């Protein structure tokens, strides 16, 4: 079975090559693009990360394709309906980074709650002073966890360790876990109204697109922190910018953004026609990232050595299971 890997770093290539027959795999460091399609036309499987858009046009160009193995938990970059219509199975990595992303979530929270980013910037500028650096304790504060799945539950465990009160919203509820970990399930409206920090840990679906918009931001307590390590499209960026500008939102810790893939393409967008909306998105993102009350990491929450190895091992297992006719971790 031939497999084409995309968005692979050098060390990942070495790791995969040591575990795959030499003649079954090809590797690209960049995301899957139109320029690659002819060379992988006869490939039975591809393995991609989040910046490779597996669209209907890509699927049409790969008539021999039978399996897509994404090295991520989310799969909104893949046309699942198109894959299903063509008999192409799709697998993901559902359990690689629960503790990793949860730990990063609290790194963002602490950066904002204790103004670590501002402290660091002042010291680098040669200013050793405490003016404007007063933060707040997490103990006794309320954190609202939207999406109490694998990652969300790790966030809840850490929050309880800080002595925080925890409210959670999820379409699936486990009363036993709630009692064991000491949190309470609640509707979104109450979670927003009572939380000092709101953190997002749910997938990007049509039903969750812009689930945090103007109405939801206005429903929060004034000064609430918003944390997003899930998907950029969960938050209406225009509404967030306005809420930050007015002080309704006290700060944002973001590992993901709407249109984050456009940041590196700004110069190219300036010279392309019919890209006004993309350019607007990129410029709006730049305005957001320039704010002192925003901490941004470049989709890095998953990026620990341990988590990366779990991703590769699970992907290899997914590909082997497909080859053996016993697919695992199938989505869609």
Protein backbone atom coordinates (compact mmCIF):
# COMPACT_ATOMS: atom_id res chain seq x y z
CA UNK A 1 0.00 0.00 0.00
CA UNK A 2 1.51 3.31 -1.10
CA UNK A 3 1.16 6.18 1.37
CA UNK A 4 1.94 9.85 0.76
CA UNK A 5 2.71 11.91 3.88
CA UNK A 6 2.37 15.69 3.95
CA UNK A 7 3.38 18.35 6.50
CA UNK A 8 6.12 16.07 7.83
CA UNK A 9 9.13 17.42 9.72
CA UNK A 10 12.58 15.90 9.20
CA UNK A 11 12.62 14.02 12.50
CA UNK A 12 9.10 12.69 11.83
CA UNK A 13 10.22 11.44 8.43
CA UNK A 14 13.10 9.55 10.06
CA UNK A 15 10.76 8.06 12.66
CA UNK A 16 8.24 6.93 10.03
CA UNK A 17 10.86 5.63 7.61
CA UNK A 18 12.31 3.40 10.34
CA UNK A 19 8.88 1.80 10.78
CA UNK A 20 7.66 1.54 7.18
CA UNK A 21 8.95 -0.49 4.23
CA UNK A 22 11.21 1.69 2.11
CA UNK A 23 9.06 1.46 -1.02
CA UNK A 24 5.64 2.30 0.41
CA UNK A 25 5.89 5.94 1.45
CA UNK A 26 6.68 9.38 0.09
CA UNK A 27 7.15 12.49 2.20
CA UNK A 28 6.53 16.22 1.75
CA UNK A 29 7.24 18.90 4.32
CA UNK A 30 4.57 21.23 2.93
CA UNK A 31 0.78 20.86 2.97
CA UNK A 32 -0.92 18.91 0.21
CA UNK A 33 -1.44 21.19 -2.79
CA UNK A 34 -2.45 20.99 -6.43
CA UNK A 35 1.19 20.70 -7.50
CA UNK A 36 1.49 17.36 -5.68
CA UNK A 37 -1.56 15.65 -7.16
CA UNK A 38 -0.02 14.28 -10.34
CA UNK A 39 2.91 12.66 -8.53
CA UNK A 40 0.65 10.84 -6.03
CA UNK A 41 -2.13 9.98 -8.46
CA UNK A 42 -1.82 6.22 -7.89
CA UNK A 43 -1.52 6.47 -4.11
CA UNK A 44 -3.94 4.39 -2.03
CA UNK A 45 -3.55 6.40 1.18
CA UNK A 46 -2.51 9.87 2.23
CA UNK A 47 -1.58 11.17 5.67
CA UNK A 48 -2.09 14.88 6.30
CA UNK A 49 -2.18 17.47 9.06
CA UNK A 50 -4.57 20.39 9.50
CA UNK A 51 -3.24 22.70 6.77
CA UNK A 52 -3.80 20.16 3.98
CA UNK A 53 -7.27 20.74 2.57
CA UNK A 54 -8.66 17.45 1.27
CA UNK A 55 -11.41 18.86 -0.95
CA UNK A 56 -13.67 17.32 -3.56
CA UNK A 57 -11.24 18.50 -6.25
CA UNK A 58 -8.36 16.71 -4.51
CA UNK A 59 -10.42 13.54 -4.20
CA UNK A 60 -11.36 13.68 -7.90
CA UNK A 61 -7.67 13.96 -8.81
CA UNK A 62 -6.79 10.82 -6.80
CA UNK A 63 -8.94 8.01 -8.25
CA UNK A 64 -7.00 5.25 -6.47
CA UNK A 65 -7.32 6.84 -3.02
CA UNK A 66 -8.93 4.58 -0.40
CA UNK A 67 -7.90 6.09 2.92
CA UNK A 68 -7.09 9.48 4.47
CA UNK A 69 -5.22 9.39 7.79
CA UNK A 70 -5.19 12.80 9.42
CA UNK A 71 -2.60 13.27 12.14
CA UNK A 72 -4.98 15.38 14.20
CA UNK A 73 -8.09 14.99 16.29
CA UNK A 74 -10.09 17.50 14.28
CA UNK A 75 -11.02 16.72 10.68
CA UNK A 76 -12.80 19.83 9.41
CA UNK A 77 -10.05 20.16 6.77
CA UNK A 78 -11.35 17.00 5.08
CA UNK A 79 -14.45 16.70 2.89
CA UNK A 80 -16.04 13.80 4.78
CA UNK A 81 -19.14 13.68 2.58
CA UNK A 82 -16.96 13.53 -0.53
CA UNK A 83 -14.88 10.74 0.97
CA UNK A 84 -17.97 8.75 1.91
CA UNK A 85 -19.44 9.14 -1.57
CA UNK A 86 -16.23 7.76 -3.07
CA UNK A 87 -15.83 4.91 -0.58
CA UNK A 88 -12.77 6.52 1.04
CA UNK A 89 -12.36 5.93 4.77
CA UNK A 90 -10.98 8.63 7.07
CA UNK A 91 -9.15 8.05 10.35
CA UNK A 92 -7.98 10.50 12.99
CA UNK A 93 -5.90 10.51 16.17
CA UNK A 94 -8.51 10.83 18.92
CA UNK A 95 -6.47 10.53 22.10
CA UNK A 96 -2.95 11.84 21.60
CA UNK A 97 -2.97 15.16 23.40
CA UNK A 98 -5.53 15.40 26.18
CA UNK A 99 -3.08 16.33 28.91
CA UNK A 100 -0.81 18.20 26.46
CA UNK A 101 -3.53 20.60 25.27
CA UNK A 102 -4.94 20.95 28.79
CA UNK A 103 -1.54 21.97 30.14
CA UNK A 104 -1.16 24.51 27.32
CA UNK A 105 -4.62 25.84 28.13
CA UNK A 106 -3.44 26.69 31.63
CA UNK A 107 -0.24 28.17 30.27
CA UNK A 108 -2.42 30.68 28.37
CA UNK A 109 -4.65 31.26 31.40
CA UNK A 110 -1.67 31.99 33.65
CA UNK A 111 -0.07 34.25 31.07
CA UNK A 112 -3.19 36.43 31.22
CA UNK A 113 -4.19 36.06 34.88
CA UNK A 114 -0.69 36.92 36.12
CA UNK A 115 0.24 39.19 33.19
CA UNK A 116 3.32 37.10 32.44
CA UNK A 117 3.49 38.32 28.84
CA UNK A 118 3.45 41.97 29.92
CA UNK A 119 6.04 41.34 32.62
CA UNK A 120 8.34 39.67 30.10
CA UNK A 121 7.90 42.51 27.60
CA UNK A 122 8.70 45.15 30.21
CA UNK A 123 11.86 43.38 31.35
CA UNK A 124 13.04 43.01 27.76
CA UNK A 125 12.48 46.75 27.34
CA UNK A 126 14.68 47.39 30.37
CA UNK A 127 11.85 48.37 32.72
CA UNK A 128 11.79 46.70 36.13
CA UNK A 129 8.56 47.93 37.69
CA UNK A 130 5.25 46.51 38.92
CA UNK A 131 2.97 49.19 37.54
CA UNK A 132 0.19 47.63 35.48
CA UNK A 133 1.23 44.06 36.31
CA UNK A 134 -1.23 43.19 39.08
CA UNK A 135 -2.94 39.92 38.27
CA UNK A 136 -5.51 37.75 40.04
CA UNK A 137 -5.58 34.40 41.82
CA UNK A 138 -7.18 31.38 40.17
CA UNK A 139 -8.19 29.91 43.52
CA UNK A 140 -11.86 30.56 44.15
CA UNK A 141 -12.55 31.71 40.59
CA UNK A 142 -15.06 29.99 38.28
CA UNK A 143 -13.92 28.42 35.03
CA UNK A 144 -16.44 27.46 32.36
CA UNK A 145 -15.36 24.50 30.23
CA UNK A 146 -17.26 24.25 26.94
CA UNK A 147 -16.72 20.67 25.79
CA UNK A 148 -16.05 18.22 28.61
CA UNK A 149 -14.55 15.47 26.51
CA UNK A 150 -11.07 14.03 26.86
CA UNK A 151 -9.26 17.37 26.80
CA UNK A 152 -11.94 19.20 28.74
CA UNK A 153 -11.82 16.65 31.56
CA UNK A 154 -8.06 17.15 31.90
CA UNK A 155 -8.67 20.90 32.08
CA UNK A 156 -11.22 20.28 34.81
CA UNK A 157 -8.77 18.16 36.82
CA UNK A 158 -6.11 20.88 36.63
CA UNK A 159 -8.64 23.58 37.51
CA UNK A 160 -9.74 21.68 40.58
CA UNK A 161 -6.09 21.42 41.58
CA UNK A 162 -5.94 25.23 41.53
CA UNK A 163 -8.98 25.34 43.79
CA UNK A 164 -11.31 26.63 41.10
CA UNK A 165 -15.06 26.15 40.83
CA UNK A 166 -15.86 24.39 37.55
CA UNK A 167 -18.94 24.63 35.33
CA UNK A 168 -19.07 22.49 32.19
CA UNK A 169 -21.27 22.27 29.14
CA UNK A 170 -21.37 19.20 26.92
CA UNK A 171 -23.94 17.39 24.80
CA UNK A 172 -22.94 14.17 26.58
CA UNK A 173 -22.97 14.22 30.35
CA UNK A 174 -21.50 11.80 32.88
CA UNK A 175 -22.95 12.50 36.35
CA UNK A 176 -20.53 10.03 37.95
CA UNK A 177 -17.49 11.90 36.61
CA UNK A 178 -19.02 15.22 37.61
CA UNK A 179 -19.38 14.02 41.19
CA UNK A 180 -15.95 12.38 41.21
CA UNK A 181 -14.10 15.42 39.86
CA UNK A 182 -16.24 18.00 41.59
CA UNK A 183 -17.77 19.96 38.73
CA UNK A 184 -21.28 20.80 37.58
CA UNK A 185 -22.91 20.50 34.17
CA UNK A 186 -24.87 23.59 33.24
CA UNK A 187 -26.49 25.22 30.19
CA UNK A 188 -24.33 27.59 28.16
CA UNK A 189 -26.23 30.66 29.34
CA UNK A 190 -25.43 30.03 33.01
CA UNK A 191 -21.83 29.04 32.24
CA UNK A 192 -21.23 32.32 30.41
CA UNK A 193 -22.92 34.41 33.09
CA UNK A 194 -21.02 32.94 36.06
CA UNK A 195 -17.53 32.17 34.71
CA UNK A 196 -14.43 34.28 35.23
CA UNK A 197 -12.66 32.27 32.52
CA UNK A 198 -14.30 30.51 29.57
CA UNK A 199 -12.29 27.86 27.72
CA UNK A 200 -13.28 26.05 24.51
CA UNK A 201 -12.67 22.34 23.90
CA UNK A 202 -15.15 21.24 21.25
CA UNK A 203 -14.94 20.38 17.55
CA UNK A 204 -15.69 22.79 14.70
CA UNK A 205 -18.96 21.67 13.14
CA UNK A 206 -21.72 23.59 11.34
CA UNK A 207 -23.56 23.73 14.67
CA UNK A 208 -20.55 25.15 16.54
CA UNK A 209 -19.35 27.69 13.95
CA UNK A 210 -19.17 31.05 15.77
CA UNK A 211 -20.73 29.53 18.88
CA UNK A 212 -19.03 32.41 20.72
CA UNK A 213 -20.37 35.51 19.00
CA UNK A 214 -21.59 38.93 20.03
CA UNK A 215 -24.52 37.65 22.08
CA UNK A 216 -22.39 35.14 23.96
CA UNK A 217 -19.62 37.66 24.67
CA UNK A 218 -22.18 40.14 25.97
CA UNK A 219 -23.65 37.42 28.20
CA UNK A 220 -20.29 36.96 29.97
CA UNK A 221 -19.32 38.88 33.09
CA UNK A 222 -17.40 42.02 32.21
CA UNK A 223 -13.68 41.24 32.16
CA UNK A 224 -14.01 37.49 31.61
CA UNK A 225 -11.04 35.80 29.93
CA UNK A 226 -11.66 33.72 26.79
CA UNK A 227 -9.35 30.80 25.98
CA UNK A 228 -9.46 28.87 22.70
CA UNK A 229 -7.17 25.91 22.03
CA UNK A 230 -9.75 24.08 19.88
CA UNK A 231 -10.62 25.63 16.50
CA UNK A 232 -10.55 29.25 15.37
CA UNK A 233 -13.98 29.11 13.77
CA UNK A 234 -15.66 28.58 17.14
CA UNK A 235 -15.22 32.32 17.82
CA UNK A 236 -16.50 35.24 15.75
CA UNK A 237 -13.28 37.23 15.45
CA UNK A 238 -14.98 40.56 14.71
CA UNK A 239 -17.15 40.16 17.81
CA UNK A 240 -14.09 39.26 19.91
CA UNK A 241 -12.16 42.33 18.75
CA UNK A 242 -15.10 44.55 19.66
CA UNK A 243 -15.51 42.87 23.07
CA UNK A 244 -11.81 43.35 23.82
CA UNK A 245 -11.94 46.98 22.68
CA UNK A 246 -14.88 47.72 24.98
CA UNK A 247 -13.44 45.81 27.93
CA UNK A 248 -16.34 43.37 27.99
CA UNK A 249 -13.79 40.62 27.39
CA UNK A 250 -10.83 41.05 29.73
CA UNK A 251 -8.36 39.16 27.55
CA UNK A 252 -8.02 36.28 25.14
CA UNK A 253 -5.59 33.36 25.14
CA UNK A 254 -5.65 31.87 21.66
CA UNK A 255 -3.85 28.93 20.12
CA UNK A 256 -6.11 29.01 17.06
CA UNK A 257 -7.59 31.75 14.88
CA UNK A 258 -10.01 32.07 12.02
CA UNK A 259 -7.95 32.15 8.85
CA UNK A 260 -4.71 31.43 10.70
CA UNK A 261 -3.34 29.81 7.57
CA UNK A 262 -3.53 33.21 5.81
CA UNK A 263 -1.03 34.95 8.09
CA UNK A 264 1.92 33.68 6.07
CA UNK A 265 0.17 34.49 2.79
CA UNK A 266 -0.48 38.22 3.32
CA UNK A 267 2.04 39.47 0.77
CA UNK A 268 0.74 37.06 -1.87
CA UNK A 269 -2.86 38.13 -1.20
CA UNK A 270 -1.97 41.75 -1.94
CA UNK A 271 -1.20 40.85 -5.55
CA UNK A 272 -4.09 38.45 -6.22
CA UNK A 273 -7.50 39.46 -7.44
CA UNK A 274 -10.73 38.22 -5.83
CA UNK A 275 -9.02 37.84 -2.47
CA UNK A 276 -10.44 40.86 -0.67
CA UNK A 277 -12.22 38.77 1.97
CA UNK A 278 -9.14 36.68 2.64
CA UNK A 279 -7.03 39.83 2.90
CA UNK A 280 -9.56 41.36 5.27
CA UNK A 281 -9.40 38.23 7.42
CA UNK A 282 -5.60 38.37 7.51
CA UNK A 283 -5.55 42.07 8.41
CA UNK A 284 -8.20 41.60 11.11
CA UNK A 285 -6.08 38.81 12.56
CA UNK A 286 -3.05 41.12 12.63
CA UNK A 287 -5.04 43.72 14.54
CA UNK A 288 -6.10 41.09 17.07
CA UNK A 289 -2.56 39.80 17.57
CA UNK A 290 -1.22 43.29 18.16
CA UNK A 291 -3.31 43.80 21.28
CA UNK A 292 -1.70 43.70 24.75
CA UNK A 293 -4.70 41.79 26.13
CA UNK A 294 -4.24 38.92 23.66
CA UNK A 295 -1.80 36.05 24.03
CA UNK A 296 -1.38 33.96 20.88
CA UNK A 297 0.51 30.74 20.22
CA UNK A 298 0.61 29.43 16.63
CA UNK A 299 -1.54 26.28 16.90
CA UNK A 300 1.08 24.92 19.26
CA UNK A 301 -1.01 23.40 22.08
CA UNK A 302 -0.49 19.85 20.79
CA UNK A 303 3.24 20.30 20.30
CA UNK A 304 5.04 18.30 22.95
CA UNK A 305 7.53 15.58 22.08
CA UNK A 306 5.42 12.97 23.83
CA UNK A 307 2.23 13.98 22.03
CA UNK A 308 3.96 14.04 18.64
CA UNK A 309 5.18 10.48 19.12
CA UNK A 310 1.66 9.39 20.10
CA UNK A 311 0.36 11.01 16.90
CA UNK A 312 2.83 9.13 14.70
CA UNK A 313 2.28 5.80 16.46
CA UNK A 314 -1.50 6.09 16.18
CA UNK A 315 -1.27 7.10 12.53
CA UNK A 316 0.89 4.07 11.76
CA UNK A 317 -1.64 1.88 13.56
CA UNK A 318 -4.50 3.48 11.58
CA UNK A 319 -2.74 2.81 8.27
CA UNK A 320 -1.92 -0.78 9.21
CA UNK A 321 -5.51 -1.39 10.31
CA UNK A 322 -6.76 -0.06 6.96
CA UNK A 323 -4.33 -2.28 5.07
CA UNK A 324 -5.53 -5.29 7.07
CA UNK A 325 -9.17 -4.51 6.37
CA UNK A 326 -9.96 -3.78 10.03
CA UNK A 327 -10.09 0.05 10.14
CA UNK A 328 -9.84 1.83 13.49
CA UNK A 329 -10.39 5.44 14.64
CA UNK A 330 -12.70 6.01 11.67
CA UNK A 331 -14.60 9.30 11.53
CA UNK A 332 -17.56 10.40 9.47
